[in-house]
C-alpha atoms as a PDB file:
ATOM      1  CA  MET A   1     -44.708 -16.245  25.077  1.00  0.00           C
ATOM      2  CA  GLY A   2     -47.816 -18.355  24.252  1.00  0.00           C
ATOM      3  CA  LYS A   3     -51.258 -17.285  23.477  1.00  0.00           C
ATOM      4  CA  LEU A   4     -53.386 -16.363  26.397  1.00  0.00           C
ATOM      5  CA  LYS A   5     -55.995 -18.996  26.895  1.00  0.00           C
ATOM      6  CA  VAL A   6     -59.715 -17.735  26.762  1.00  0.00           C
ATOM      7  CA  LEU A   7     -63.296 -19.258  27.699  1.00  0.00           C
ATOM      8  CA  LEU A   8     -66.069 -18.054  25.980  1.00  0.00           C
ATOM      9  CA  VAL A   9     -69.016 -18.301  28.344  1.00  0.00           C
ATOM     10  CA  VAL A  10     -72.281 -16.876  25.831  1.00  0.00           C
ATOM     11  CA  ALA A  11     -75.548 -18.454  25.253  1.00  0.00           C
ATOM     12  CA  ASN A  12     -76.506 -15.940  22.552  1.00  0.00           C
ATOM     13  CA  LEU A  13     -75.081 -17.478  19.443  1.00  0.00           C
ATOM     14  CA  GLU A  14     -75.174 -14.299  17.448  1.00  0.00           C
ATOM     15  CA  LEU A  15     -73.138 -12.518  20.312  1.00  0.00           C
ATOM     16  CA  ARG A  16     -70.613 -15.655  20.448  1.00  0.00           C
ATOM     17  CA  ARG A  17     -70.060 -15.693  16.666  1.00  0.00           C
ATOM     18  CA  ARG A  18     -69.470 -12.169  16.978  1.00  0.00           C
ATOM     19  CA  LEU A  19     -67.048 -12.675  19.751  1.00  0.00           C
ATOM     20  CA  CYS A  20     -65.518 -15.436  18.290  1.00  0.00           C
ATOM     21  CA  GLY A  21     -64.623 -12.920  15.186  1.00  0.00           C
ATOM     22  CA  ILE A  22     -63.374 -10.222  17.530  1.00  0.00           C
ATOM     23  CA  LEU A  23     -60.972 -12.649  19.587  1.00  0.00           C
ATOM     24  CA  GLY A  24     -59.938 -14.948  16.974  1.00  0.00           C
ATOM     25  CA  ALA A  25     -58.618 -11.783  14.782  1.00  0.00           C
ATOM     26  CA  ASP A  26     -56.097 -11.122  17.580  1.00  0.00           C
ATOM     27  CA  GLY A  27     -52.912 -12.869  17.593  1.00  0.00           C
ATOM     28  CA  GLU A  28     -52.146 -13.166  21.160  1.00  0.00           C
ATOM     29  CA  LEU A  29     -55.722 -14.772  22.105  1.00  0.00           C
ATOM     30  CA  ASP A  30     -56.618 -18.087  21.750  1.00  0.00           C
ATOM     31  CA  ILE A  31     -60.553 -19.400  22.365  1.00  0.00           C
ATOM     32  CA  VAL A  32     -59.548 -22.521  24.251  1.00  0.00           C
ATOM     33  CA  ALA A  33     -63.357 -23.613  24.658  1.00  0.00           C
ATOM     34  CA  GLU A  34     -66.947 -22.227  24.574  1.00  0.00           C
ATOM     35  CA  ALA A  35     -70.070 -22.779  26.627  1.00  0.00           C
ATOM     36  CA  ASN A  36     -73.783 -21.660  26.817  1.00  0.00           C
ATOM     37  CA  ASN A  37     -74.346 -22.530  30.494  1.00  0.00           C
ATOM     38  CA  ALA A  38     -72.713 -22.459  33.640  1.00  0.00           C
ATOM     39  CA  TYR A  39     -72.545 -26.271  34.244  1.00  0.00           C
ATOM     40  CA  SER A  40     -70.854 -26.604  30.770  1.00  0.00           C
ATOM     41  CA  ALA A  41     -68.744 -23.890  31.712  1.00  0.00           C
ATOM     42  CA  ARG A  42     -67.577 -25.207  35.031  1.00  0.00           C
ATOM     43  CA  ASP A  43     -66.437 -28.588  32.821  1.00  0.00           C
ATOM     44  CA  LYS A  44     -64.457 -26.910  30.213  1.00  0.00           C
ATOM     45  CA  ILE A  45     -62.618 -24.569  33.054  1.00  0.00           C
ATOM     46  CA  ILE A  46     -61.650 -28.366  34.479  1.00  0.00           C
ATOM     47  CA  GLU A  47     -60.807 -29.482  31.207  1.00  0.00           C
ATOM     48  CA  CYS A  48     -59.043 -26.516  29.331  1.00  0.00           C
ATOM     49  CA  ASN A  49     -57.669 -24.942  32.296  1.00  0.00           C
ATOM     50  CA  PRO A  50     -58.492 -21.320  30.721  1.00  0.00           C
ATOM     51  CA  GLU A  51     -56.433 -17.915  32.141  1.00  0.00           C
ATOM     52  CA  VAL A  52     -59.429 -15.806  31.455  1.00  0.00           C
ATOM     53  CA  MET A  53     -62.937 -15.809  30.822  1.00  0.00           C
ATOM     54  CA  LEU A  54     -65.397 -13.950  28.714  1.00  0.00           C
ATOM     55  CA  LEU A  55     -68.877 -14.400  30.759  1.00  0.00           C
ATOM     56  CA  CYS A  56     -72.099 -13.141  30.273  1.00  0.00           C
ATOM     57  CA  HIS A  57     -74.765 -12.851  32.734  1.00  0.00           C
ATOM     58  CA  ASP A  58     -77.815 -13.921  30.180  1.00  0.00           C
ATOM     59  CA  LEU A  59     -77.225 -17.642  30.837  1.00  0.00           C
ATOM     60  CA  PRO A  60     -80.072 -20.232  31.062  1.00  0.00           C
ATOM     61  CA  ARG A  61     -80.244 -22.222  34.647  1.00  0.00           C
ATOM     62  CA  MET A  62     -78.146 -20.437  36.329  1.00  0.00           C
ATOM     63  CA  PRO A  63     -77.364 -16.378  35.334  1.00  0.00           C
ATOM     64  CA  GLY A  64     -73.548 -15.937  34.796  1.00  0.00           C
ATOM     65  CA  ILE A  65     -72.940 -13.480  37.725  1.00  0.00           C
ATOM     66  CA  VAL A  66     -74.462 -15.879  40.038  1.00  0.00           C
ATOM     67  CA  PHE A  67     -72.032 -18.609  38.509  1.00  0.00           C
ATOM     68  CA  LEU A  68     -69.033 -16.593  39.227  1.00  0.00           C
ATOM     69  CA  GLU A  69     -69.588 -15.876  42.775  1.00  0.00           C
ATOM     70  CA  LYS A  70     -70.175 -19.571  43.398  1.00  0.00           C
ATOM     71  CA  LEU A  71     -66.962 -20.429  41.248  1.00  0.00           C
ATOM     72  CA  MET A  72     -64.347 -17.698  42.604  1.00  0.00           C
ATOM     73  CA  PRO A  73     -63.906 -19.334  46.100  1.00  0.00           C
ATOM     74  CA  GLN A  74     -63.329 -22.824  44.548  1.00  0.00           C
ATOM     75  CA  ARG A  75     -61.280 -21.620  41.474  1.00  0.00           C
ATOM     76  CA  SER A  76     -60.243 -18.114  40.801  1.00  0.00           C
ATOM     77  CA  ILE A  77     -59.932 -16.876  37.245  1.00  0.00           C
ATOM     78  CA  ALA A  78     -59.819 -13.439  35.743  1.00  0.00           C
ATOM     79  CA  THR A  79     -63.108 -12.688  34.709  1.00  0.00           C
ATOM     80  CA  LEU A  80     -64.537  -9.938  32.180  1.00  0.00           C
ATOM     81  CA  VAL A  81     -68.390  -9.917  32.474  1.00  0.00           C
ATOM     82  CA  VAL A  82     -70.523  -8.947  29.952  1.00  0.00           C
ATOM     83  CA  ALA A  83     -74.232  -7.401  31.159  1.00  0.00           C
ATOM     84  CA  GLU A  84     -76.562  -4.845  31.042  1.00  0.00           C
ATOM     85  CA  SER A  85     -75.527  -1.983  32.982  1.00  0.00           C
ATOM     86  CA  GLN A  86     -77.274  -2.375  36.148  1.00  0.00           C
ATOM     87  CA  TYR A  87     -75.739  -5.755  36.677  1.00  0.00           C
ATOM     88  CA  GLU A  88     -72.076  -3.764  36.855  1.00  0.00           C
ATOM     89  CA  ASP A  89     -71.759  -3.473  41.034  1.00  0.00           C
ATOM     90  CA  ALA A  90     -73.218  -7.287  41.129  1.00  0.00           C
ATOM     91  CA  ALA A  91     -70.542  -8.505  38.887  1.00  0.00           C
ATOM     92  CA  TYR A  92     -67.431  -6.643  40.803  1.00  0.00           C
ATOM     93  CA  ARG A  93     -68.983  -8.219  44.260  1.00  0.00           C
ATOM     94  CA  ALA A  94     -68.945 -11.582  42.639  1.00  0.00           C
ATOM     95  CA  GLY A  95     -65.379 -11.130  41.654  1.00  0.00           C
ATOM     96  CA  ALA A  96     -65.131 -10.149  37.955  1.00  0.00           C
ATOM     97  CA  LYS A  97     -61.981  -8.114  37.010  1.00  0.00           C
ATOM     98  CA  ASP A  98     -63.604  -6.086  34.632  1.00  0.00           C
ATOM     99  CA  PHE A  99     -67.044  -5.252  33.009  1.00  0.00           C
ATOM    100  CA  VAL A 100     -68.412  -4.280  29.645  1.00  0.00           C
ATOM    101  CA  PRO A 101     -71.912  -2.641  29.655  1.00  0.00           C
ATOM    102  CA  CYS A 102     -73.950  -4.458  26.633  1.00  0.00           C
ATOM    103  CA  GLY A 103     -77.628  -4.997  26.291  1.00  0.00           C
ATOM    104  CA  ASN A 104     -78.713  -5.863  22.681  1.00  0.00           C
ATOM    105  CA  ASP A 105     -76.114  -3.337  20.894  1.00  0.00           C
ATOM    106  CA  LEU A 106     -73.288  -5.797  19.407  1.00  0.00           C
ATOM    107  CA  GLU A 107     -71.333  -3.073  18.254  1.00  0.00           C
ATOM    108  CA  ALA A 108     -70.610  -1.880  21.601  1.00  0.00           C
ATOM    109  CA  LEU A 109     -68.378  -4.763  22.343  1.00  0.00           C
ATOM    110  CA  GLU A 110     -65.721  -3.691  19.559  1.00  0.00           C
ATOM    111  CA  HIS A 111     -65.904  -0.252  20.447  1.00  0.00           C
ATOM    112  CA  ASP A 112     -64.919  -1.232  24.090  1.00  0.00           C
ATOM    113  CA  ASN A 113     -61.864  -3.268  22.698  1.00  0.00           C
ATOM    114  CA  ILE A 114     -62.504  -6.508  24.237  1.00  0.00           C
ATOM    115  CA  CYS A 115     -58.797  -8.127  23.387  1.00  0.00           C
ATOM    116  CA  ARG A 116     -57.429  -5.244  25.289  1.00  0.00           C
ATOM    117  CA  ARG A 117     -59.297  -5.750  28.189  1.00  0.00           C
ATOM    118  CA  LEU A 118     -59.009  -9.464  28.434  1.00  0.00           C
ATOM    119  CA  LYS A 119     -55.149  -8.957  28.115  1.00  0.00           C
ATOM    120  CA  LYS A 120     -55.218  -6.446  30.691  1.00  0.00           C
ATOM    121  CA  ILE A 121     -57.040  -8.800  33.735  1.00  0.00           C
ATOM    122  CA  ALA A 122     -54.784 -11.364  32.965  1.00  0.00           C
ATOM    123  CA  GLY A 123     -52.029  -9.136  34.175  1.00  0.00           C
ATOM    124  CA  GLY A 124     -48.190 -10.046  34.305  1.00  0.00           C
ATOM    125  CA  GLU A 125     -46.339  -9.893  30.840  1.00  0.00           C
ATOM    126  CA  TRP A 126     -49.692  -9.442  29.063  1.00  0.00           C
ATOM    127  CA  LEU A 127     -49.792  -5.609  30.564  1.00  0.00           C
ATOM    128  CA  ALA A 128     -46.639  -4.865  28.321  1.00  0.00           C
ATOM    129  CA  ALA A 129     -48.907  -4.870  25.493  1.00  0.00           C
ATOM    130  CA  PRO A 130     -49.304  -1.032  24.185  1.00  0.00           C
ATOM    131  CA  LYS A 131     -52.356   0.360  25.699  1.00  0.00           C
ATOM    132  CA  LYS A 132     -54.862   2.465  23.451  1.00  0.00           C
ATOM    133  CA  VAL A 133     -55.101   5.945  24.030  1.00  0.00           C
ATOM    134  CA  HIS A 134     -58.962   7.138  23.696  1.00  0.00           C
ATOM    135  CA  PRO A 135     -58.662  10.791  21.686  1.00  0.00           C
ATOM    136  CA  GLN A 136     -61.074  12.213  24.474  1.00  0.00           C
ATOM    137  CA  ALA A 137     -58.457  11.312  27.315  1.00  0.00           C
ATOM    138  CA  VAL A 138     -55.356  13.176  25.442  1.00  0.00           C
ATOM    139  CA  SER A 139     -55.868  16.297  26.942  1.00  0.00           C
ATOM    140  CA  THR A 140     -56.166  14.757  30.006  1.00  0.00           C
ATOM    141  CA  MET A 141     -53.164  12.724  30.141  1.00  0.00           C
ATOM    142  CA  GLY A 142     -50.970  15.152  28.913  1.00  0.00           C
ATOM    143  CA  THR A 143     -51.381  17.222  32.209  1.00  0.00           C
ATOM    144  CA  GLY A 144     -49.785  14.404  34.027  1.00  0.00           C
ATOM    145  CA  ASN A 145     -52.886  13.884  35.997  1.00  0.00           C
ATOM    146  CA  THR A 146     -53.530  10.099  36.381  1.00  0.00           C
ATOM    147  CA  SER A 147     -57.436  10.706  36.501  1.00  0.00           C
ATOM    148  CA  SER A 148     -59.532  13.749  35.956  1.00  0.00           C
ATOM    149  CA  MET A 149     -62.347  12.654  38.342  1.00  0.00           C
ATOM    150  CA  THR A 150     -60.410  10.741  41.218  1.00  0.00           C
ATOM    151  CA  SER A 151     -58.581  13.220  43.305  1.00  0.00           C
ATOM    152  CA  ILE A 152     -57.825  11.740  46.522  1.00  0.00           C
ATOM    153  CA  ILE A 153     -57.090   8.013  47.698  1.00  0.00           C
ATOM    154  CA  ALA A 154     -57.468   6.862  51.274  1.00  0.00           C
ATOM    155  CA  MET A 155     -55.644   3.954  52.622  1.00  0.00           C
ATOM    156  CA  GLY A 156     -55.650   2.025  55.854  1.00  0.00           C
ATOM    157  CA  ALA A 157     -53.947  -1.011  57.650  1.00  0.00           C
ATOM    158  CA  SER A 158     -52.826  -2.242  60.769  1.00  0.00           C
ATOM    159  CA  THR A 159     -51.306  -5.719  61.986  1.00  0.00           C
ATOM    160  CA  GLY A 160     -48.799  -6.687  58.968  1.00  0.00           C
ATOM    161  CA  GLY A 161     -49.659  -3.118  57.379  1.00  0.00           C
ATOM    162  CA  THR A 162     -45.828  -1.914  57.432  1.00  0.00           C
ATOM    163  CA  GLU A 163     -44.894  -4.266  54.716  1.00  0.00           C
ATOM    164  CA  ALA A 164     -48.473  -4.860  52.933  1.00  0.00           C
ATOM    165  CA  ILE A 165     -48.198  -1.040  52.367  1.00  0.00           C
ATOM    166  CA  ALA A 166     -44.339  -1.228  51.333  1.00  0.00           C
ATOM    167  CA  THR A 167     -45.493  -3.563  48.802  1.00  0.00           C
ATOM    168  CA  VAL A 168     -48.358  -1.315  47.417  1.00  0.00           C
ATOM    169  CA  VAL A 169     -46.184   1.806  47.598  1.00  0.00           C
ATOM    170  CA  ARG A 170     -43.514   0.127  45.328  1.00  0.00           C
ATOM    171  CA  GLY A 171     -46.353  -0.346  42.423  1.00  0.00           C
ATOM    172  CA  LEU A 172     -47.407   3.102  42.678  1.00  0.00           C
ATOM    173  CA  LYS A 173     -46.523   5.818  39.399  1.00  0.00           C
ATOM    174  CA  LYS A 174     -45.239   9.243  40.515  1.00  0.00           C
ATOM    175  CA  ASP A 175     -48.547  10.630  39.005  1.00  0.00           C
ATOM    176  CA  ILE A 176     -51.041   9.273  41.326  1.00  0.00           C
ATOM    177  CA  PRO A 177     -53.590  11.446  42.947  1.00  0.00           C
ATOM    178  CA  GLY A 178     -53.044  12.206  46.515  1.00  0.00           C
ATOM    179  CA  ILE A 179     -52.782   9.614  49.314  1.00  0.00           C
ATOM    180  CA  VAL A 180     -53.928  10.006  52.982  1.00  0.00           C
ATOM    181  CA  LEU A 181     -53.061   6.766  55.196  1.00  0.00           C
ATOM    182  CA  VAL A 182     -53.314   5.286  58.362  1.00  0.00           C
ATOM    183  CA  GLN A 183     -51.181   2.863  59.756  1.00  0.00           C
ATOM    184  CA  HIS A 184     -51.601   1.931  63.369  1.00  0.00           C
ATOM    185  CA  MET A 185     -48.700   2.854  65.007  1.00  0.00           C
ATOM    186  CA  PRO A 186     -47.327   4.330  68.149  1.00  0.00           C
ATOM    187  CA  GLU A 187     -45.924   8.117  68.527  1.00  0.00           C
ATOM    188  CA  GLY A 188     -42.639   8.520  67.366  1.00  0.00           C
ATOM    189  CA  PHE A 189     -42.660   5.450  64.822  1.00  0.00           C
ATOM    190  CA  THR A 190     -44.536   6.927  62.008  1.00  0.00           C
ATOM    191  CA  LYS A 191     -42.050   9.613  61.242  1.00  0.00           C
ATOM    192  CA  MET A 192     -39.462   6.976  60.783  1.00  0.00           C
ATOM    193  CA  TYR A 193     -41.778   4.857  58.751  1.00  0.00           C
ATOM    194  CA  ALA A 194     -42.697   7.631  56.516  1.00  0.00           C
ATOM    195  CA  GLN A 195     -38.852   8.131  55.641  1.00  0.00           C
ATOM    196  CA  ARG A 196     -38.744   4.108  55.165  1.00  0.00           C
ATOM    197  CA  LEU A 197     -41.789   4.600  52.722  1.00  0.00           C
ATOM    198  CA  ASP A 198     -40.451   7.596  50.556  1.00  0.00           C
ATOM    199  CA  ASN A 199     -37.366   5.257  49.618  1.00  0.00           C
ATOM    200  CA  GLU A 200     -39.741   2.394  48.576  1.00  0.00           C
ATOM    201  CA  GLY A 201     -40.786   3.864  45.251  1.00  0.00           C
ATOM    202  CA  GLU A 202     -41.579   6.819  42.852  1.00  0.00           C
ATOM    203  CA  VAL A 203     -44.180   8.641  45.426  1.00  0.00           C
ATOM    204  CA  SER A 204     -43.081  10.669  48.312  1.00  0.00           C
ATOM    205  CA  VAL A 205     -44.105  10.267  51.733  1.00  0.00           C
ATOM    206  CA  LYS A 206     -44.315  12.255  54.668  1.00  0.00           C
ATOM    207  CA  GLU A 207     -45.443  11.917  58.264  1.00  0.00           C
ATOM    208  CA  ALA A 208     -48.578  14.653  58.049  1.00  0.00           C
ATOM    209  CA  VAL A 209     -48.936  18.102  59.801  1.00  0.00           C
ATOM    210  CA  SER A 210     -52.426  19.847  60.149  1.00  0.00           C
ATOM    211  CA  GLY A 211     -52.314  22.094  56.757  1.00  0.00           C
ATOM    212  CA  ASP A 212     -50.756  19.933  54.519  1.00  0.00           C
ATOM    213  CA  VAL A 213     -52.205  20.115  51.461  1.00  0.00           C
ATOM    214  CA  VAL A 214     -53.102  16.638  49.670  1.00  0.00           C
ATOM    215  CA  ARG A 215     -50.742  16.724  46.318  1.00  0.00           C
ATOM    216  CA  GLN A 216     -50.320  14.528  43.191  1.00  0.00           C
ATOM    217  CA  GLY A 217     -47.471  12.125  44.121  1.00  0.00           C
ATOM    218  CA  GLN A 218     -47.316  12.111  47.741  1.00  0.00           C
ATOM    219  CA  ILE A 219     -48.567  10.311  50.704  1.00  0.00           C
ATOM    220  CA  LEU A 220     -49.510  11.827  54.072  1.00  0.00           C
ATOM    221  CA  LEU A 221     -49.252   9.562  56.807  1.00  0.00           C
ATOM    222  CA  ALA A 222     -51.034   9.783  60.147  1.00  0.00           C
ATOM    223  CA  PRO A 223     -49.091  10.696  63.362  1.00  0.00           C
ATOM    224  CA  GLY A 224     -48.935   8.109  65.904  1.00  0.00           C
ATOM    225  CA  ASP A 225     -50.583  10.071  68.638  1.00  0.00           C
ATOM    226  CA  LYS A 226     -53.224  12.140  66.335  1.00  0.00           C
ATOM    227  CA  GLN A 227     -56.489  11.672  64.526  1.00  0.00           C
ATOM    228  CA  MET A 228     -56.113  12.798  60.857  1.00  0.00           C
ATOM    229  CA  ARG A 229     -58.957  13.673  58.928  1.00  0.00           C
ATOM    230  CA  ILE A 230     -59.513  15.692  55.465  1.00  0.00           C
ATOM    231  CA  VAL A 231     -61.160  19.218  55.183  1.00  0.00           C
ATOM    232  CA  LYS A 232     -61.436  20.844  51.853  1.00  0.00           C
ATOM    233  CA  ILE A 233     -60.346  24.568  52.138  1.00  0.00           C
ATOM    234  CA  ASN A 234     -60.259  26.820  48.580  1.00  0.00           C
ATOM    235  CA  GLY A 235     -61.049  23.942  46.307  1.00  0.00           C
ATOM    236  CA  ARG A 236     -58.171  22.010  47.666  1.00  0.00           C
ATOM    237  CA  TYR A 237     -58.001  19.114  50.064  1.00  0.00           C
ATOM    238  CA  GLN A 238     -56.000  19.494  53.169  1.00  0.00           C
ATOM    239  CA  VAL A 239     -55.424  17.309  56.295  1.00  0.00           C
ATOM    240  CA  GLU A 240     -56.156  18.172  60.128  1.00  0.00           C
ATOM    241  CA  CYS A 241     -54.076  16.404  62.604  1.00  0.00           C
ATOM    242  CA  LYS A 242     -55.332  16.726  66.082  1.00  0.00           C
ATOM    243  CA  TYR A 243     -55.196  15.274  69.437  1.00  0.00           C
ATOM    244  CA  GLY A 244     -58.277  13.434  70.544  1.00  0.00           C
ATOM    245  CA  PRO A 245     -60.478  10.583  71.482  1.00  0.00           C
ATOM    246  CA  ARG A 246     -59.882   7.031  69.899  1.00  0.00           C
ATOM    247  CA  VAL A 247     -62.286   6.070  67.512  1.00  0.00           C
ATOM    248  CA  THR A 248     -62.822   2.520  66.952  1.00  0.00           C
ATOM    249  CA  GLY A 249     -60.308   1.904  69.816  1.00  0.00           C
ATOM    250  CA  HIS A 250     -57.256   3.506  67.959  1.00  0.00           C
ATOM    251  CA  CYS A 251     -55.386   6.664  67.491  1.00  0.00           C
ATOM    252  CA  PRO A 252     -54.830   7.188  64.608  1.00  0.00           C
ATOM    253  CA  SER A 253     -58.452   5.767  63.521  1.00  0.00           C
ATOM    254  CA  VAL A 254     -58.913   4.308  59.796  1.00  0.00           C
ATOM    255  CA  ASP A 255     -62.771   4.995  60.290  1.00  0.00           C
ATOM    256  CA  ALA A 256     -61.914   8.672  61.378  1.00  0.00           C
ATOM    257  CA  LEU A 257     -59.956   9.426  57.876  1.00  0.00           C
ATOM    258  CA  PHE A 258     -62.630   7.417  55.897  1.00  0.00           C
ATOM    259  CA  GLU A 259     -65.517   8.913  57.331  1.00  0.00           C
ATOM    260  CA  SER A 260     -64.048  12.111  56.589  1.00  0.00           C
ATOM    261  CA  VAL A 261     -62.919  11.253  53.056  1.00  0.00           C
ATOM    262  CA  ALA A 262     -66.615  10.049  52.602  1.00  0.00           C
ATOM    263  CA  ARG A 263     -67.928  13.215  53.637  1.00  0.00           C
ATOM    264  CA  VAL A 264     -65.785  15.714  51.916  1.00  0.00           C
ATOM    265  CA  ALA A 265     -64.592  14.003  48.685  1.00  0.00           C
ATOM    266  CA  GLY A 266     -67.134  11.138  47.909  1.00  0.00           C
ATOM    267  CA  LYS A 267     -67.248  10.057  44.695  1.00  0.00           C
ATOM    268  CA  GLU A 268     -64.156  11.717  44.069  1.00  0.00           C
ATOM    269  CA  ALA A 269     -61.904   8.899  46.188  1.00  0.00           C
ATOM    270  CA  ILE A 270     -60.838   5.586  46.464  1.00  0.00           C
ATOM    271  CA  GLY A 271     -60.274   3.755  49.583  1.00  0.00           C
ATOM    272  CA  VAL A 272     -58.393   0.846  50.481  1.00  0.00           C
ATOM    273  CA  LEU A 273     -58.429  -1.347  53.640  1.00  0.00           C
ATOM    274  CA  MET A 274     -55.705  -3.888  54.129  1.00  0.00           C
ATOM    275  CA  THR A 275     -54.367  -6.324  56.673  1.00  0.00           C
ATOM    276  CA  GLY A 276     -55.153  -5.724  60.240  1.00  0.00           C
ATOM    277  CA  MET A 277     -57.087  -7.110  63.387  1.00  0.00           C
ATOM    278  CA  GLY A 278     -60.422  -5.724  64.838  1.00  0.00           C
ATOM    279  CA  SER A 279     -62.999  -3.907  62.632  1.00  0.00           C
ATOM    280  CA  ASP A 280     -61.230  -0.328  62.306  1.00  0.00           C
ATOM    281  CA  GLY A 281     -61.594   1.067  58.804  1.00  0.00           C
ATOM    282  CA  ALA A 282     -64.658  -0.949  57.781  1.00  0.00           C
ATOM    283  CA  LYS A 283     -67.695   1.445  58.798  1.00  0.00           C
ATOM    284  CA  GLY A 284     -65.360   4.291  57.447  1.00  0.00           C
ATOM    285  CA  LEU A 285     -65.092   2.345  53.798  1.00  0.00           C
ATOM    286  CA  LEU A 286     -68.815   1.633  53.823  1.00  0.00           C
ATOM    287  CA  ALA A 287     -69.284   5.260  54.012  1.00  0.00           C
ATOM    288  CA  MET A 288     -67.159   5.810  51.402  1.00  0.00           C
ATOM    289  CA  ARG A 289     -68.896   3.339  49.069  1.00  0.00           C
ATOM    290  CA  ASN A 290     -72.103   4.708  50.027  1.00  0.00           C
ATOM    291  CA  ALA A 291     -70.905   8.418  49.332  1.00  0.00           C
ATOM    292  CA  GLY A 292     -70.035   6.978  45.593  1.00  0.00           C
ATOM    293  CA  ALA A 293     -66.218   6.431  46.192  1.00  0.00           C
ATOM    294  CA  ARG A 294     -64.764   2.819  44.716  1.00  0.00           C
ATOM    295  CA  THR A 295     -63.537   0.596  47.527  1.00  0.00           C
ATOM    296  CA  ILE A 296     -60.917  -2.286  47.655  1.00  0.00           C
ATOM    297  CA  GLY A 297     -60.410  -4.641  50.581  1.00  0.00           C
ATOM    298  CA  GLN A 298     -57.135  -6.961  50.508  1.00  0.00           C
ATOM    299  CA  ASP A 299     -58.190 -10.350  50.170  1.00  0.00           C
ATOM    300  CA  GLU A 300     -57.828 -13.116  53.069  1.00  0.00           C
ATOM    301  CA  LYS A 301     -55.082 -15.143  51.235  1.00  0.00           C
ATOM    302  CA  THR A 302     -52.667 -12.438  51.397  1.00  0.00           C
ATOM    303  CA  CYS A 303     -53.512 -10.630  54.603  1.00  0.00           C
ATOM    304  CA  ILE A 304     -51.164 -11.335  57.834  1.00  0.00           C
ATOM    305  CA  VAL A 305     -54.698 -11.016  59.920  1.00  0.00           C
ATOM    306  CA  TYR A 306     -58.115 -11.297  57.917  1.00  0.00           C
ATOM    307  CA  GLY A 307     -59.805  -9.085  60.489  1.00  0.00           C
ATOM    308  CA  MET A 308     -60.410  -5.373  58.852  1.00  0.00           C
ATOM    309  CA  PRO A 309     -60.656  -6.497  55.830  1.00  0.00           C
ATOM    310  CA  LYS A 310     -63.315  -9.024  56.489  1.00  0.00           C
ATOM    311  CA  VAL A 311     -65.509  -6.896  58.407  1.00  0.00           C
ATOM    312  CA  ALA A 312     -65.607  -4.328  55.523  1.00  0.00           C
ATOM    313  CA  TYR A 313     -66.639  -7.118  53.318  1.00  0.00           C
ATOM    314  CA  ASP A 314     -69.299  -8.478  55.255  1.00  0.00           C
ATOM    315  CA  ILE A 315     -70.864  -5.511  55.741  1.00  0.00           C
ATOM    316  CA  GLY A 316     -70.574  -4.559  52.196  1.00  0.00           C
ATOM    317  CA  ALA A 317     -67.981  -1.749  52.285  1.00  0.00           C
ATOM    318  CA  VAL A 318     -65.978  -3.321  49.690  1.00  0.00           C
ATOM    319  CA  CYS A 319     -66.227  -3.302  45.908  1.00  0.00           C
ATOM    320  CA  TRP A 320     -63.545  -5.534  44.972  1.00  0.00           C
ATOM    321  CA  GLN A 321     -61.354  -8.027  47.039  1.00  0.00           C
ATOM    322  CA  VAL A 322     -57.699  -7.908  45.704  1.00  0.00           C
ATOM    323  CA  PRO A 323     -54.469  -9.991  46.568  1.00  0.00           C
ATOM    324  CA  LEU A 324     -51.839  -7.550  47.940  1.00  0.00           C
ATOM    325  CA  GLU A 325     -49.490  -7.670  45.120  1.00  0.00           C
ATOM    326  CA  GLN A 326     -52.392  -6.532  42.669  1.00  0.00           C
ATOM    327  CA  ILE A 327     -53.857  -3.519  44.802  1.00  0.00           C
ATOM    328  CA  SER A 328     -51.524  -0.898  43.243  1.00  0.00           C
ATOM    329  CA  GLN A 329     -52.164  -2.100  39.611  1.00  0.00           C
ATOM    330  CA  LYS A 330     -56.048  -2.281  40.586  1.00  0.00           C
ATOM    331  CA  ILE A 331     -55.880   1.478  41.628  1.00  0.00           C
ATOM    332  CA  HIS A 332     -53.977   2.599  38.650  1.00  0.00           C
ATOM    333  CA  TYR A 333     -56.761   0.453  36.519  1.00  0.00           C
ATOM    334  CA  LEU A 334     -59.782   2.087  38.609  1.00  0.00           C
ATOM    335  CA  LEU A 335     -58.097   5.703  37.591  1.00  0.00           C
ATOM    336  CA  ASP A 336     -57.723   5.106  33.889  1.00  0.00           C
ATOM    337  CA  LYS A 337     -61.108   3.652  33.874  1.00  0.00           C
ATOM    338  CA  ARG A 338     -62.409   6.959  35.014  1.00  0.00           C
ATOM    339  CA  GLN A 339     -60.842   8.881  32.125  1.00  0.00           C
END
């Protein structure tokens, strides 16, 4: 395995020297090019074909996050953004895979282990590198809980979703927080689909019934003829599955589920919206994001129908657009980040 090719885009000379020292000390990283502005960075990407980019927002002529937003539709590259903390949301919306808050405190870069972060966003074989365990996270990890702050994950899909969901399920670990799921499907088919998913990976899957508790390592799939919402009783999330009117034209409806998650779970949730026709789930995902949840939308290239995720993205509901094959990885990364 060769070295991971890194492009540094940093205007501040002292900061660039510091980063060169940090990255140069890691035998698995190779700084193939440096740039001090967006226009030079564009040329270096074409010339050197880096695999990851470390990008500072504070650049002359064009801010780094603006450059990233213009770049990603033309040339997708795994990017770690370094900027002041108020730019974090903007960085992720522009397409960054990771963010390190750094103002004038250059020491913070070493403490955040830049090398490990670059390898992680590169994915693939680089994920095999050992993960640093922070002392403050040891007690939480020892309990088997994937995250101390995320306690529920809500997912939704429609056209093309049966295979897309199966792909995500195969990448989930058995200690993941409980998942509630809507896949547009008629009555009678959801039970069979839950049984199929139950054999796809480490997590267990069942068709939900009212009163089911949202449990770690389990997916509750909405029945094909009822609206599924979550409630919180005695400190635990449970599902309610009831006959009711269609929401956004569907029963079960992703919007109905997501809006209940936004009300009840707020920032303790992660929302995921995948391939599907129409707009179901978009408003609910926006409600989740506005309530503090972190939200993922499947990208256009890997969608069978780029309908529901597109509407969600267009209205600002999506924090991260992610290819299908990387959604499970992104979920686990977000969980790790909250520890």
